[in-house]
N, C-alpha and C. Protein backbone atom coordinates (compact mmCIF):
# COMPACT_ATOMS: atom_id res chain seq x y z
N MET A 1 4.64 21.05 2.35
CA MET A 1 4.08 19.88 3.70
C MET A 1 4.75 21.00 4.81
N GLY A 2 3.78 20.30 5.55
CA GLY A 2 3.77 20.97 7.04
C GLY A 2 4.44 20.77 7.70
N ARG A 3 5.28 21.42 8.82
CA ARG A 3 6.21 21.27 10.06
C ARG A 3 6.70 19.96 10.65
N ALA A 4 5.58 19.30 10.98
CA ALA A 4 6.09 18.14 12.33
C ALA A 4 5.87 16.76 10.89
N GLN A 5 7.19 16.84 10.80
CA GLN A 5 8.01 15.35 10.06
C GLN A 5 8.99 14.22 10.41
N ILE A 6 8.32 13.10 10.19
CA ILE A 6 9.36 12.23 10.37
C ILE A 6 9.90 11.25 9.17
N PHE A 7 11.64 11.02 9.06
CA PHE A 7 11.36 10.54 7.74
C PHE A 7 11.84 9.45 7.66
N THR A 8 12.35 8.36 6.94
CA THR A 8 13.11 6.75 6.33
C THR A 8 13.69 7.15 5.30
N ILE A 9 14.34 6.28 4.86
CA ILE A 9 14.95 6.17 3.51
C ILE A 9 14.80 4.89 3.02
N SER A 10 14.79 4.50 1.76
CA SER A 10 14.41 3.61 1.26
C SER A 10 15.49 3.07 0.21
N ALA A 11 15.98 2.14 -0.32
CA ALA A 11 16.80 2.09 -1.64
C ALA A 11 16.60 0.98 -1.77
N ASN A 12 16.94 0.43 -3.74
CA ASN A 12 17.35 -0.99 -3.71
C ASN A 12 18.61 -1.12 -4.17
N GLY A 13 19.36 -1.62 -3.23
CA GLY A 13 20.93 -1.60 -3.01
C GLY A 13 21.49 0.16 -3.12
N ALA A 14 22.35 0.55 -4.38
CA ALA A 14 22.50 2.00 -4.27
C ALA A 14 21.89 2.66 -5.34
N GLU A 15 20.36 1.84 -5.80
CA GLU A 15 19.55 2.87 -6.50
C GLU A 15 18.46 2.92 -6.10
N ASN A 16 17.15 4.14 -7.08
CA ASN A 16 16.09 4.27 -6.22
C ASN A 16 15.95 4.80 -5.31
N GLY A 17 16.89 5.54 -4.67
CA GLY A 17 16.44 6.19 -3.50
C GLY A 17 15.51 6.99 -3.08
N ILE A 18 15.04 6.86 -2.62
CA ILE A 18 13.25 7.59 -1.68
C ILE A 18 13.33 7.99 -0.13
N VAL A 19 13.03 9.32 -0.04
CA VAL A 19 12.62 9.92 1.15
C VAL A 19 10.96 9.85 1.46
N TRP A 20 10.94 8.84 2.29
CA TRP A 20 9.56 8.77 3.00
C TRP A 20 9.66 9.83 4.12
N ALA A 21 8.81 11.05 3.75
CA ALA A 21 8.26 11.26 4.86
C ALA A 21 6.82 11.56 5.70
N ILE A 22 6.54 11.57 7.03
CA ILE A 22 4.77 11.62 7.63
C ILE A 22 4.92 13.40 8.15
N ASP A 23 3.62 14.17 7.59
CA ASP A 23 3.20 14.96 7.93
C ASP A 23 2.13 14.72 9.10
N TYR A 24 2.96 15.16 10.11
CA TYR A 24 1.26 14.52 11.25
C TYR A 24 1.00 16.21 12.00
N THR A 25 0.94 16.90 11.68
CA THR A 25 0.66 18.19 11.58
C THR A 25 -1.10 17.87 12.71
N LYS A 26 -1.83 17.41 11.84
CA LYS A 26 -2.99 17.48 12.27
C LYS A 26 -3.95 16.06 12.89
N PHE A 27 -2.48 15.87 14.13
CA PHE A 27 -2.43 14.51 14.79
C PHE A 27 -3.45 14.78 15.73
N GLY A 28 -4.62 13.80 15.87
CA GLY A 28 -6.14 13.44 16.64
C GLY A 28 -6.71 14.45 16.03
N THR A 29 -7.15 14.54 14.74
CA THR A 29 -8.25 15.29 14.39
C THR A 29 -8.02 15.13 12.87
N GLY A 30 -7.13 14.89 12.34
CA GLY A 30 -7.37 14.65 10.68
C GLY A 30 -6.22 13.42 10.21
N PRO A 31 -6.00 13.03 8.52
CA PRO A 31 -5.19 11.99 8.56
C PRO A 31 -3.96 12.41 8.11
N ALA A 32 -2.62 11.73 8.53
CA ALA A 32 -1.46 11.90 8.08
C ALA A 32 -1.01 12.06 6.72
N VAL A 33 -0.08 12.72 6.43
CA VAL A 33 -0.12 12.68 4.92
C VAL A 33 1.28 12.26 5.21
N LEU A 34 1.68 11.10 3.88
CA LEU A 34 2.67 10.17 3.52
C LEU A 34 3.45 10.99 2.43
N TYR A 35 4.30 11.42 2.26
CA TYR A 35 5.49 12.06 1.28
C TYR A 35 6.22 10.89 0.82
N ALA A 36 7.24 11.03 -0.62
CA ALA A 36 7.98 10.54 -1.04
C ALA A 36 8.91 11.60 -1.97
N PHE A 37 9.82 11.54 -2.02
CA PHE A 37 10.94 12.22 -2.69
C PHE A 37 12.22 11.64 -2.77
N ASP A 38 12.55 12.40 -3.95
CA ASP A 38 13.96 11.77 -4.82
C ASP A 38 15.11 11.85 -3.90
N ALA A 39 15.65 10.45 -3.63
CA ALA A 39 16.80 10.89 -2.62
C ALA A 39 17.79 11.55 -2.97
N ALA A 40 17.66 11.15 -4.27
CA ALA A 40 18.89 12.09 -4.95
C ALA A 40 19.11 13.65 -4.96
N ASN A 41 17.45 14.37 -5.41
CA ASN A 41 16.94 15.55 -5.23
C ASN A 41 15.98 15.31 -4.41
N VAL A 42 15.78 15.92 -3.12
CA VAL A 42 15.01 15.95 -2.68
C VAL A 42 13.66 17.33 -2.61
N ALA A 43 14.12 17.96 -3.24
CA ALA A 43 13.13 19.00 -3.81
C ALA A 43 12.08 18.41 -5.05
N ASN A 44 12.34 17.16 -5.72
CA ASN A 44 11.25 16.63 -6.57
C ASN A 44 10.64 15.24 -5.75
N GLU A 45 9.60 15.85 -5.25
CA GLU A 45 8.47 15.18 -4.57
C GLU A 45 8.17 14.19 -5.59
N LEU A 46 8.33 12.54 -5.68
CA LEU A 46 7.22 11.79 -6.65
C LEU A 46 6.14 11.05 -5.84
N TYR A 47 5.66 12.01 -4.85
CA TYR A 47 3.88 11.02 -4.73
C TYR A 47 4.27 12.13 -3.08
N ASP A 48 2.82 11.86 -3.33
CA ASP A 48 2.02 12.09 -1.57
C ASP A 48 0.22 11.54 -1.22
N SER A 49 0.12 11.31 -0.43
CA SER A 49 -1.03 10.08 -0.03
C SER A 49 -2.31 11.41 -0.54
N THR A 50 -1.79 12.27 -0.82
CA THR A 50 -3.65 13.47 -0.64
C THR A 50 -3.62 13.62 -1.94
N GLN A 51 -2.77 13.32 -3.39
CA GLN A 51 -2.77 13.23 -4.91
C GLN A 51 -4.15 12.23 -5.34
N ALA A 52 -4.66 11.57 -4.99
CA ALA A 52 -5.49 10.79 -5.33
C ALA A 52 -6.88 10.91 -4.59
N GLY A 53 -7.28 12.32 -4.32
CA GLY A 53 -8.25 11.81 -3.07
C GLY A 53 -8.51 11.23 -1.58
N THR A 54 -9.47 10.78 -1.74
CA THR A 54 -9.72 10.04 -0.74
C THR A 54 -9.09 8.38 -0.72
N ARG A 55 -8.88 8.23 -1.76
CA ARG A 55 -8.18 6.86 -1.77
C ARG A 55 -7.14 6.29 -0.86
N ASP A 56 -6.21 7.12 -0.74
CA ASP A 56 -4.84 6.86 0.04
C ASP A 56 -4.80 7.81 0.92
N ARG A 57 -5.78 7.95 1.51
CA ARG A 57 -5.84 8.81 2.66
C ARG A 57 -5.21 8.07 4.22
N ALA A 58 -4.63 8.48 5.02
CA ALA A 58 -3.86 7.64 6.23
C ALA A 58 -5.08 7.71 7.14
N ALA A 59 -4.78 6.73 8.24
CA ALA A 59 -5.27 7.35 9.57
C ALA A 59 -5.19 8.15 9.77
N VAL A 60 -6.00 8.84 11.06
CA VAL A 60 -5.83 9.89 12.05
C VAL A 60 -4.44 9.94 12.59
N ALA A 61 -4.11 11.08 12.38
CA ALA A 61 -2.02 11.41 12.82
C ALA A 61 -2.01 11.29 13.68
N VAL A 62 -0.60 10.54 14.46
CA VAL A 62 -0.19 10.62 16.06
C VAL A 62 1.34 11.10 15.50
N LYS A 63 1.37 11.35 16.95
CA LYS A 63 2.84 12.05 16.63
C LYS A 63 3.90 10.97 16.71
N PHE A 64 4.77 11.24 16.11
CA PHE A 64 6.37 10.41 16.62
C PHE A 64 6.15 9.26 15.98
N THR A 65 5.95 9.15 14.85
CA THR A 65 5.61 7.81 14.01
C THR A 65 6.62 7.81 12.67
N ALA A 66 7.17 6.53 12.39
CA ALA A 66 8.38 6.80 11.20
C ALA A 66 7.77 5.80 10.21
N PRO A 67 7.91 6.49 9.07
CA PRO A 67 6.89 5.81 8.27
C PRO A 67 8.19 4.16 7.91
N THR A 68 7.54 2.95 8.05
CA THR A 68 8.56 1.75 7.60
C THR A 68 8.02 1.16 6.49
N VAL A 69 9.49 0.55 6.00
CA VAL A 69 9.47 0.09 4.78
C VAL A 69 9.73 -1.44 4.55
N ALA A 70 8.85 -2.10 4.37
CA ALA A 70 9.26 -3.73 4.20
C ALA A 70 8.23 -4.29 3.28
N ASN A 71 8.94 -5.34 2.37
CA ASN A 71 8.36 -6.15 1.28
C ASN A 71 7.85 -5.59 0.18
N GLY A 72 8.68 -4.04 0.36
CA GLY A 72 7.48 -3.71 -0.83
C GLY A 72 6.01 -2.25 -0.47
N ASN A 73 6.47 -2.86 0.85
CA ASN A 73 5.00 -1.64 1.46
C ASN A 73 5.40 -0.80 2.26
N VAL A 74 5.41 0.62 2.60
CA VAL A 74 5.32 1.41 3.32
C VAL A 74 4.05 1.51 4.36
N TYR A 75 4.55 1.45 5.43
CA TYR A 75 3.11 0.99 6.71
C TYR A 75 3.46 2.86 7.22
N ILE A 76 2.30 3.12 7.97
CA ILE A 76 2.29 4.39 8.51
C ILE A 76 1.72 3.66 10.30
N GLY A 77 1.82 4.22 10.84
CA GLY A 77 0.70 4.04 12.35
C GLY A 77 0.05 5.03 12.68
N GLY A 78 -1.08 4.82 12.89
CA GLY A 78 -2.11 6.39 13.32
C GLY A 78 -2.46 5.59 14.26
N ARG A 79 -3.73 6.35 14.53
CA ARG A 79 -4.71 6.33 15.68
C ARG A 79 -5.66 5.10 15.09
N ASN A 80 -5.43 3.99 16.33
CA ASN A 80 -6.16 2.73 16.03
C ASN A 80 -5.91 1.72 14.87
N ALA A 81 -4.75 2.42 13.83
CA ALA A 81 -4.84 1.70 13.08
C ALA A 81 -3.44 1.78 12.43
N VAL A 82 -3.52 0.87 11.23
CA VAL A 82 -1.67 0.70 10.37
C VAL A 82 -2.33 1.19 9.12
N THR A 83 -2.02 2.24 8.46
CA THR A 83 -1.96 2.25 6.74
C THR A 83 -1.00 1.78 5.84
N VAL A 84 -1.45 1.14 4.98
CA VAL A 84 -0.37 0.12 4.09
C VAL A 84 0.22 0.78 2.96
N TYR A 85 0.79 1.36 2.33
CA TYR A 85 0.79 1.74 0.87
C TYR A 85 1.51 0.75 -0.12
N GLY A 86 1.35 0.40 -1.15
CA GLY A 86 2.03 -0.20 -1.75
C GLY A 86 1.35 -0.46 -3.28
N LEU A 87 2.41 -1.11 -4.62
CA LEU A 87 1.86 -0.45 -5.67
C LEU A 87 0.68 -1.14 -6.20
N LEU A 88 -0.14 -0.51 -6.49
CA LEU A 88 -1.61 -0.41 -7.11
C LEU A 88 -1.23 -1.82 -8.25
N THR A 89 -3.02 -2.68 -7.86
CA THR A 89 -2.46 -3.97 -8.57
C THR A 89 -4.19 -4.00 -9.38
N THR A 90 -3.97 -4.41 -10.47
CA THR A 90 -6.03 -4.57 -10.45
C THR A 90 -5.85 -6.56 -10.95
N ALA A 91 -6.80 -6.66 -10.28
CA ALA A 91 -6.98 -7.95 -10.40
C ALA A 91 -7.55 -8.54 -11.79
N PRO A 92 -7.26 -9.66 -12.08
CA PRO A 92 -7.58 -9.82 -13.98
C PRO A 92 -9.61 -9.98 -13.62
N ALA A 93 -9.69 -9.57 -14.27
CA ALA A 93 -11.36 -9.63 -14.55
C ALA A 93 -11.82 -11.47 -15.38
N VAL A 94 -12.85 -11.82 -14.60
CA VAL A 94 -13.04 -13.04 -14.70
C VAL A 94 -14.44 -12.97 -15.38
N THR A 95 -14.07 -13.29 -16.92
CA THR A 95 -14.86 -13.52 -17.85
C THR A 95 -16.07 -14.71 -18.01
N THR A 96 -15.59 -15.96 -17.06
CA THR A 96 -16.80 -16.90 -16.93
C THR A 96 -16.47 -17.91 -16.03
N ALA A 97 -17.39 -18.60 -15.17
CA ALA A 97 -16.61 -19.90 -14.49
C ALA A 97 -17.44 -20.58 -13.95
N SER A 98 -16.96 -21.92 -14.05
CA SER A 98 -17.58 -23.09 -14.14
C SER A 98 -18.64 -23.38 -12.69
N LYS A 99 -19.70 -24.68 -12.63
CA LYS A 99 -19.75 -24.89 -11.85
C LYS A 99 -19.35 -25.27 -10.63
N LEU A 100 -19.07 -24.82 -9.14
CA LEU A 100 -18.42 -25.40 -8.16
C LEU A 100 -18.74 -27.06 -8.34
N PRO A 101 -17.26 -28.17 -8.21
CA PRO A 101 -17.16 -29.68 -7.86
C PRO A 101 -17.62 -29.81 -6.39
N THR A 102 -18.06 -31.03 -6.19
CA THR A 102 -17.87 -31.44 -5.13
C THR A 102 -16.88 -31.24 -4.41
N PRO A 103 -16.75 -30.68 -2.44
CA PRO A 103 -15.57 -30.70 -1.96
C PRO A 103 -14.48 -32.00 -2.00
N ASN A 104 -13.47 -32.11 -1.65
CA ASN A 104 -12.09 -32.76 -1.54
C ASN A 104 -12.51 -33.23 -0.14
N ALA A 105 -11.85 -34.68 0.20
CA ALA A 105 -12.17 -34.82 1.30
C ALA A 105 -11.56 -34.13 2.56
N ASN A 106 -10.65 -32.91 1.84
CA ASN A 106 -10.43 -31.84 3.47
C ASN A 106 -10.83 -30.71 3.05
N GLY A 107 -12.39 -30.68 2.32
CA GLY A 107 -13.23 -29.78 2.25
C GLY A 107 -12.65 -28.87 1.33
N THR A 108 -12.20 -28.81 0.21
CA THR A 108 -11.24 -28.08 -0.57
C THR A 108 -11.70 -28.15 -1.94
N VAL A 109 -12.28 -27.27 -2.88
CA VAL A 109 -12.82 -27.68 -4.16
C VAL A 109 -11.37 -27.36 -5.37
N THR A 110 -11.17 -27.50 -6.34
CA THR A 110 -10.97 -27.19 -7.35
C THR A 110 -11.51 -26.57 -8.33
N VAL A 111 -10.99 -25.26 -8.62
CA VAL A 111 -12.04 -24.59 -9.51
C VAL A 111 -11.06 -24.15 -10.55
N ARG A 112 -11.59 -23.83 -11.94
CA ARG A 112 -11.04 -23.48 -13.21
C ARG A 112 -12.15 -22.28 -13.69
N LEU A 113 -11.18 -21.24 -14.02
CA LEU A 113 -11.99 -20.11 -14.56
C LEU A 113 -10.98 -19.50 -15.60
N ASN A 114 -11.80 -18.85 -16.62
CA ASN A 114 -11.74 -18.49 -17.93
C ASN A 114 -10.78 -17.20 -17.62
N SER A 115 -10.01 -16.53 -17.00
CA SER A 115 -9.71 -15.43 -16.89
C SER A 115 -8.28 -14.99 -18.09
N ALA A 116 -8.44 -13.64 -17.61
CA ALA A 116 -6.83 -13.06 -18.76
C ALA A 116 -5.35 -13.19 -17.93
N ASP A 117 -5.29 -14.04 -16.54
CA ASP A 117 -4.38 -13.91 -15.94
C ASP A 117 -3.22 -15.18 -16.60
N ASN A 118 -3.95 -16.66 -16.82
CA ASN A 118 -3.57 -17.66 -17.58
C ASN A 118 -2.76 -18.27 -16.61
N LYS A 119 -3.96 -18.21 -15.78
CA LYS A 119 -3.39 -18.87 -14.37
C LYS A 119 -4.87 -19.89 -13.83
N PRO A 120 -5.44 -20.61 -14.84
CA PRO A 120 -6.84 -20.75 -14.14
C PRO A 120 -7.02 -21.62 -13.49
N GLU A 121 -6.57 -22.14 -12.96
CA GLU A 121 -6.87 -22.99 -11.34
C GLU A 121 -6.27 -22.72 -10.31
N GLY A 122 -7.47 -23.08 -9.51
CA GLY A 122 -7.21 -22.40 -7.71
C GLY A 122 -8.02 -23.34 -7.02
N THR A 123 -7.15 -23.44 -5.81
CA THR A 123 -7.85 -24.49 -4.96
C THR A 123 -8.89 -23.05 -3.95
N VAL A 124 -9.96 -23.13 -3.36
CA VAL A 124 -10.78 -22.69 -2.70
C VAL A 124 -11.19 -23.64 -1.35
């Protein structure tokens, strides 16, 4: 990790403490890098935003921004952008869809999908 870092700590009560750090040494020219360390042993890196190639790349780094943790996400301020990190989820694959019905009086329609999520109805 570079030398310019800002830290934030998050936890679930007294458990699962994580020290979040932003390396902003490439400020103005390249992306910030988000790091997560085990709060009980900061020598144990849990994650960094360079591990998955460009998938987790943050916005162009700015100085003196702290990682903000809220609602299960980590937010990083960057140049003209905010990068949001959270758990990866995969939307269930839709296998078939029925023809859309006529809209209701309020302009919405109810559709029924055959999907793997066992929640086949939704309003569009």
